[in-house]
Amino acid sequence: MNNVATTVEIKDYTDKILDSFDKKTNAFLLEVKDSIANQTSINSPVDTGNLSRSFLTDSFVDRDEKTAYIGSGLKYSIWQEFGTGEYALKGNGRKGGWVYKSPKDAKFYRTRGAKPQRMLYRALLTKKPLIVSRAKKILGEINKNG
């Protein structure tokens, strides 16, 4: 009987694959965050420019959670996105109007609310095809290259 010695070497590339996935995922999330935040900034109504800028400065990627957070820390940003009063997006705003004093000119004004601007929602709709395309490309690269 012939005795043939065979050697089998097993290589574990798990760490390399996970590291590649981690880096590409974070790069993708940063790209998505920048793209949507920029578009939201463009879509934002401009009075002082604070709202527009806030989407660029307040949005971030949490690398550990693998999550992109896109938004504004300004209190009134939610009112701009969803509207107020009788114009609130879901119809759940204050009815009948109200009077407020403007901080700009100290005059009193009557309003029934503000219409929703949907800056963030429109940005997501605009960028969605690009995001899907980039995700397919990046995930394909991970699959092919490891």
C-alpha atoms as a PDB file:
ATOM      1  CA  MET A   1       0.000   0.000   0.000  1.00  0.00           C
ATOM      2  CA  ASN A   2       1.201   3.485  -0.837  1.00  0.00           C
ATOM      3  CA  ASN A   3       1.393   5.945   1.991  1.00  0.00           C
ATOM      4  CA  VAL A   4       0.857   9.441   0.624  1.00  0.00           C
ATOM      5  CA  ALA A   5       1.168  12.301   3.009  1.00  0.00           C
ATOM      6  CA  THR A   6      -1.239  15.133   2.372  1.00  0.00           C
ATOM      7  CA  THR A   7      -1.079  18.493   4.024  1.00  0.00           C
ATOM      8  CA  VAL A   8      -4.086  20.734   4.204  1.00  0.00           C
ATOM      9  CA  GLU A   9      -3.654  24.329   5.184  1.00  0.00           C
ATOM     10  CA  ILE A  10      -6.732  26.256   6.262  1.00  0.00           C
ATOM     11  CA  LYS A  11      -6.587  30.028   6.142  1.00  0.00           C
ATOM     12  CA  ASP A  12      -9.111  32.127   7.996  1.00  0.00           C
ATOM     13  CA  TYR A  13      -9.843  35.429   6.261  1.00  0.00           C
ATOM     14  CA  THR A  14     -12.731  36.357   8.525  1.00  0.00           C
ATOM     15  CA  ASP A  15     -10.940  39.325  10.101  1.00  0.00           C
ATOM     16  CA  LYS A  16      -9.848  40.646   6.706  1.00  0.00           C
ATOM     17  CA  ILE A  17     -13.367  40.372   5.282  1.00  0.00           C
ATOM     18  CA  LEU A  18     -14.968  41.980   8.331  1.00  0.00           C
ATOM     19  CA  ASP A  19     -12.409  44.810   8.299  1.00  0.00           C
ATOM     20  CA  SER A  20     -13.055  45.442   4.600  1.00  0.00           C
ATOM     21  CA  PHE A  21     -16.803  45.389   5.170  1.00  0.00           C
ATOM     22  CA  ASP A  22     -16.443  47.760   8.131  1.00  0.00           C
ATOM     23  CA  LYS A  23     -14.348  50.291   6.186  1.00  0.00           C
ATOM     24  CA  LYS A  24     -16.540  50.208   3.093  1.00  0.00           C
ATOM     25  CA  THR A  25     -19.740  50.441   5.124  1.00  0.00           C
ATOM     26  CA  ASN A  26     -18.492  53.495   7.028  1.00  0.00           C
ATOM     27  CA  ALA A  27     -17.297  55.153   3.814  1.00  0.00           C
ATOM     28  CA  PHE A  28     -20.686  54.468   2.234  1.00  0.00           C
ATOM     29  CA  LEU A  29     -22.555  55.899   5.229  1.00  0.00           C
ATOM     30  CA  LEU A  30     -20.400  59.026   5.162  1.00  0.00           C
ATOM     31  CA  GLU A  31     -21.109  59.440   1.455  1.00  0.00           C
ATOM     32  CA  VAL A  32     -24.859  58.997   2.021  1.00  0.00           C
ATOM     33  CA  LYS A  33     -24.845  61.424   4.952  1.00  0.00           C
ATOM     34  CA  ASP A  34     -22.999  64.077   2.965  1.00  0.00           C
ATOM     35  CA  SER A  35     -25.192  63.643  -0.108  1.00  0.00           C
ATOM     36  CA  ILE A  36     -28.512  63.866   1.749  1.00  0.00           C
ATOM     37  CA  ALA A  37     -27.365  66.618   4.134  1.00  0.00           C
ATOM     38  CA  ASN A  38     -26.139  68.726   1.191  1.00  0.00           C
ATOM     39  CA  GLN A  39     -29.399  68.246  -0.712  1.00  0.00           C
ATOM     40  CA  THR A  40     -31.442  69.030   2.403  1.00  0.00           C
ATOM     41  CA  SER A  41     -29.413  72.199   2.885  1.00  0.00           C
ATOM     42  CA  ILE A  42     -30.177  73.196  -0.716  1.00  0.00           C
ATOM     43  CA  ASN A  43     -33.887  72.426  -0.186  1.00  0.00           C
ATOM     44  CA  SER A  44     -34.092  74.478   3.026  1.00  0.00           C
ATOM     45  CA  PRO A  45     -35.802  77.857   3.123  1.00  0.00           C
ATOM     46  CA  VAL A  46     -33.264  80.588   3.717  1.00  0.00           C
ATOM     47  CA  ASP A  47     -33.880  83.457   6.074  1.00  0.00           C
ATOM     48  CA  THR A  48     -30.740  83.664   8.173  1.00  0.00           C
ATOM     49  CA  GLY A  49     -29.088  80.546   6.685  1.00  0.00           C
ATOM     50  CA  ASN A  50     -28.998  78.864  10.094  1.00  0.00           C
ATOM     51  CA  LEU A  51     -31.373  76.057   9.113  1.00  0.00           C
ATOM     52  CA  SER A  52     -29.558  75.332   5.873  1.00  0.00           C
ATOM     53  CA  ARG A  53     -26.177  75.224   7.629  1.00  0.00           C
ATOM     54  CA  SER A  54     -27.465  73.097  10.494  1.00  0.00           C
ATOM     55  CA  PHE A  55     -28.068  70.087   8.239  1.00  0.00           C
ATOM     56  CA  LEU A  56     -24.409  70.236   7.214  1.00  0.00           C
ATOM     57  CA  THR A  57     -23.041  70.641  10.734  1.00  0.00           C
ATOM     58  CA  ASP A  58     -25.473  68.549  12.815  1.00  0.00           C
ATOM     59  CA  SER A  59     -25.571  65.402  10.647  1.00  0.00           C
ATOM     60  CA  PHE A  60     -23.077  62.659  11.482  1.00  0.00           C
ATOM     61  CA  VAL A  61     -22.170  58.980  11.119  1.00  0.00           C
ATOM     62  CA  ASP A  62     -21.933  56.720  14.152  1.00  0.00           C
ATOM     63  CA  ARG A  63     -19.277  54.217  13.052  1.00  0.00           C
ATOM     64  CA  ASP A  64     -20.026  51.781  15.873  1.00  0.00           C
ATOM     65  CA  GLU A  65     -23.771  51.697  15.165  1.00  0.00           C
ATOM     66  CA  LYS A  66     -23.233  51.787  11.381  1.00  0.00           C
ATOM     67  CA  THR A  67     -25.845  54.536  11.186  1.00  0.00           C
ATOM     68  CA  ALA A  68     -26.009  57.896   9.435  1.00  0.00           C
ATOM     69  CA  TYR A  69     -27.958  60.557  11.328  1.00  0.00           C
ATOM     70  CA  ILE A  70     -29.158  63.376   9.101  1.00  0.00           C
ATOM     71  CA  GLY A  71     -31.028  66.291  10.580  1.00  0.00           C
ATOM     72  CA  SER A  72     -30.914  69.617  12.305  1.00  0.00           C
ATOM     73  CA  GLY A  73     -30.537  70.401  15.978  1.00  0.00           C
ATOM     74  CA  LEU A  74     -32.534  73.602  15.569  1.00  0.00           C
ATOM     75  CA  LYS A  75     -35.856  73.463  17.399  1.00  0.00           C
ATOM     76  CA  TYR A  76     -37.814  74.978  14.537  1.00  0.00           C
ATOM     77  CA  SER A  77     -36.473  72.560  11.900  1.00  0.00           C
ATOM     78  CA  ILE A  78     -39.245  70.077  12.685  1.00  0.00           C
ATOM     79  CA  TRP A  79     -41.853  72.808  12.133  1.00  0.00           C
ATOM     80  CA  GLN A  80     -40.303  73.586   8.762  1.00  0.00           C
ATOM     81  CA  GLU A  81     -40.297  69.914   7.773  1.00  0.00           C
ATOM     82  CA  PHE A  82     -43.824  69.020   8.916  1.00  0.00           C
ATOM     83  CA  GLY A  83     -45.615  72.386   9.011  1.00  0.00           C
ATOM     84  CA  THR A  84     -47.602  73.994  11.811  1.00  0.00           C
ATOM     85  CA  GLY A  85     -51.133  74.989  12.664  1.00  0.00           C
ATOM     86  CA  GLU A  86     -53.790  74.329  10.077  1.00  0.00           C
ATOM     87  CA  TYR A  87     -51.118  73.367   7.538  1.00  0.00           C
ATOM     88  CA  ALA A  88     -49.479  70.651   9.644  1.00  0.00           C
ATOM     89  CA  LEU A  89     -48.743  67.603   7.492  1.00  0.00           C
ATOM     90  CA  LYS A  90     -50.962  65.190   9.412  1.00  0.00           C
ATOM     91  CA  GLY A  91     -53.650  67.757  10.177  1.00  0.00           C
ATOM     92  CA  ASN A  92     -52.797  67.683  13.880  1.00  0.00           C
ATOM     93  CA  GLY A  93     -51.758  71.329  14.245  1.00  0.00           C
ATOM     94  CA  ARG A  94     -53.448  74.135  16.155  1.00  0.00           C
ATOM     95  CA  LYS A  95     -56.698  75.285  14.530  1.00  0.00           C
ATOM     96  CA  GLY A  96     -58.085  78.806  14.314  1.00  0.00           C
ATOM     97  CA  GLY A  97     -54.795  80.673  14.112  1.00  0.00           C
ATOM     98  CA  TRP A  98     -52.893  82.711  16.685  1.00  0.00           C
ATOM     99  CA  VAL A  99     -51.045  85.963  17.160  1.00  0.00           C
ATOM    100  CA  TYR A 100     -47.298  86.217  17.731  1.00  0.00           C
ATOM    101  CA  LYS A 101     -44.756  88.969  18.179  1.00  0.00           C
ATOM    102  CA  SER A 102     -41.937  88.932  15.658  1.00  0.00           C
ATOM    103  CA  PRO A 103     -38.458  89.096  17.157  1.00  0.00           C
ATOM    104  CA  LYS A 104     -37.252  90.911  14.026  1.00  0.00           C
ATOM    105  CA  ASP A 105     -39.456  93.990  14.092  1.00  0.00           C
ATOM    106  CA  ALA A 106     -41.376  93.605  17.400  1.00  0.00           C
ATOM    107  CA  LYS A 107     -44.688  93.794  15.519  1.00  0.00           C
ATOM    108  CA  PHE A 108     -47.630  91.471  16.105  1.00  0.00           C
ATOM    109  CA  TYR A 109     -48.784  89.136  13.355  1.00  0.00           C
ATOM    110  CA  ARG A 110     -51.697  86.741  12.972  1.00  0.00           C
ATOM    111  CA  THR A 111     -51.075  83.338  11.388  1.00  0.00           C
ATOM    112  CA  ARG A 112     -52.832  80.077  10.764  1.00  0.00           C
ATOM    113  CA  GLY A 113     -49.490  78.260  10.615  1.00  0.00           C
ATOM    114  CA  ALA A 114     -46.801  77.398   8.117  1.00  0.00           C
ATOM    115  CA  LYS A 115     -46.937  74.911   5.261  1.00  0.00           C
ATOM    116  CA  PRO A 116     -44.578  71.917   5.444  1.00  0.00           C
ATOM    117  CA  GLN A 117     -41.364  72.394   3.473  1.00  0.00           C
ATOM    118  CA  ARG A 118     -40.321  68.698   3.502  1.00  0.00           C
ATOM    119  CA  MET A 119     -36.631  69.537   2.933  1.00  0.00           C
ATOM    120  CA  LEU A 120     -35.297  66.247   4.307  1.00  0.00           C
ATOM    121  CA  TYR A 121     -37.991  64.061   2.746  1.00  0.00           C
ATOM    122  CA  ARG A 122     -37.459  65.614  -0.708  1.00  0.00           C
ATOM    123  CA  ALA A 123     -33.685  65.226  -0.345  1.00  0.00           C
ATOM    124  CA  LEU A 124     -34.082  61.526   0.391  1.00  0.00           C
ATOM    125  CA  LEU A 125     -36.371  61.046  -2.621  1.00  0.00           C
ATOM    126  CA  THR A 126     -33.906  62.914  -4.831  1.00  0.00           C
ATOM    127  CA  LYS A 127     -30.877  60.933  -3.643  1.00  0.00           C
ATOM    128  CA  LYS A 128     -32.484  57.493  -3.254  1.00  0.00           C
ATOM    129  CA  PRO A 129     -31.568  56.174  -6.753  1.00  0.00           C
ATOM    130  CA  LEU A 130     -27.935  57.225  -6.270  1.00  0.00           C
ATOM    131  CA  ILE A 131     -27.821  55.662  -2.790  1.00  0.00           C
ATOM    132  CA  VAL A 132     -29.253  52.356  -4.030  1.00  0.00           C
ATOM    133  CA  SER A 133     -26.806  52.299  -6.940  1.00  0.00           C
ATOM    134  CA  ARG A 134     -23.817  53.047  -4.679  1.00  0.00           C
ATOM    135  CA  ALA A 135     -24.911  50.395  -2.165  1.00  0.00           C
ATOM    136  CA  LYS A 136     -25.087  47.747  -4.890  1.00  0.00           C
ATOM    137  CA  LYS A 137     -21.670  48.760  -6.220  1.00  0.00           C
ATOM    138  CA  ILE A 138     -19.990  48.792  -2.792  1.00  0.00           C
ATOM    139  CA  LEU A 139     -21.572  45.546  -1.595  1.00  0.00           C
ATOM    140  CA  GLY A 140     -20.611  43.956  -4.896  1.00  0.00           C
ATOM    141  CA  GLU A 141     -17.011  45.059  -4.380  1.00  0.00           C
ATOM    142  CA  ILE A 142     -16.972  43.498  -0.915  1.00  0.00           C
ATOM    143  CA  ASN A 143     -18.340  40.261  -2.348  1.00  0.00           C
ATOM    144  CA  LYS A 144     -15.752  40.162  -5.190  1.00  0.00           C
ATOM    145  CA  ASN A 145     -12.676  41.514  -3.449  1.00  0.00           C
ATOM    146  CA  GLY A 146     -13.167  40.573   0.178  1.00  0.00           C
END
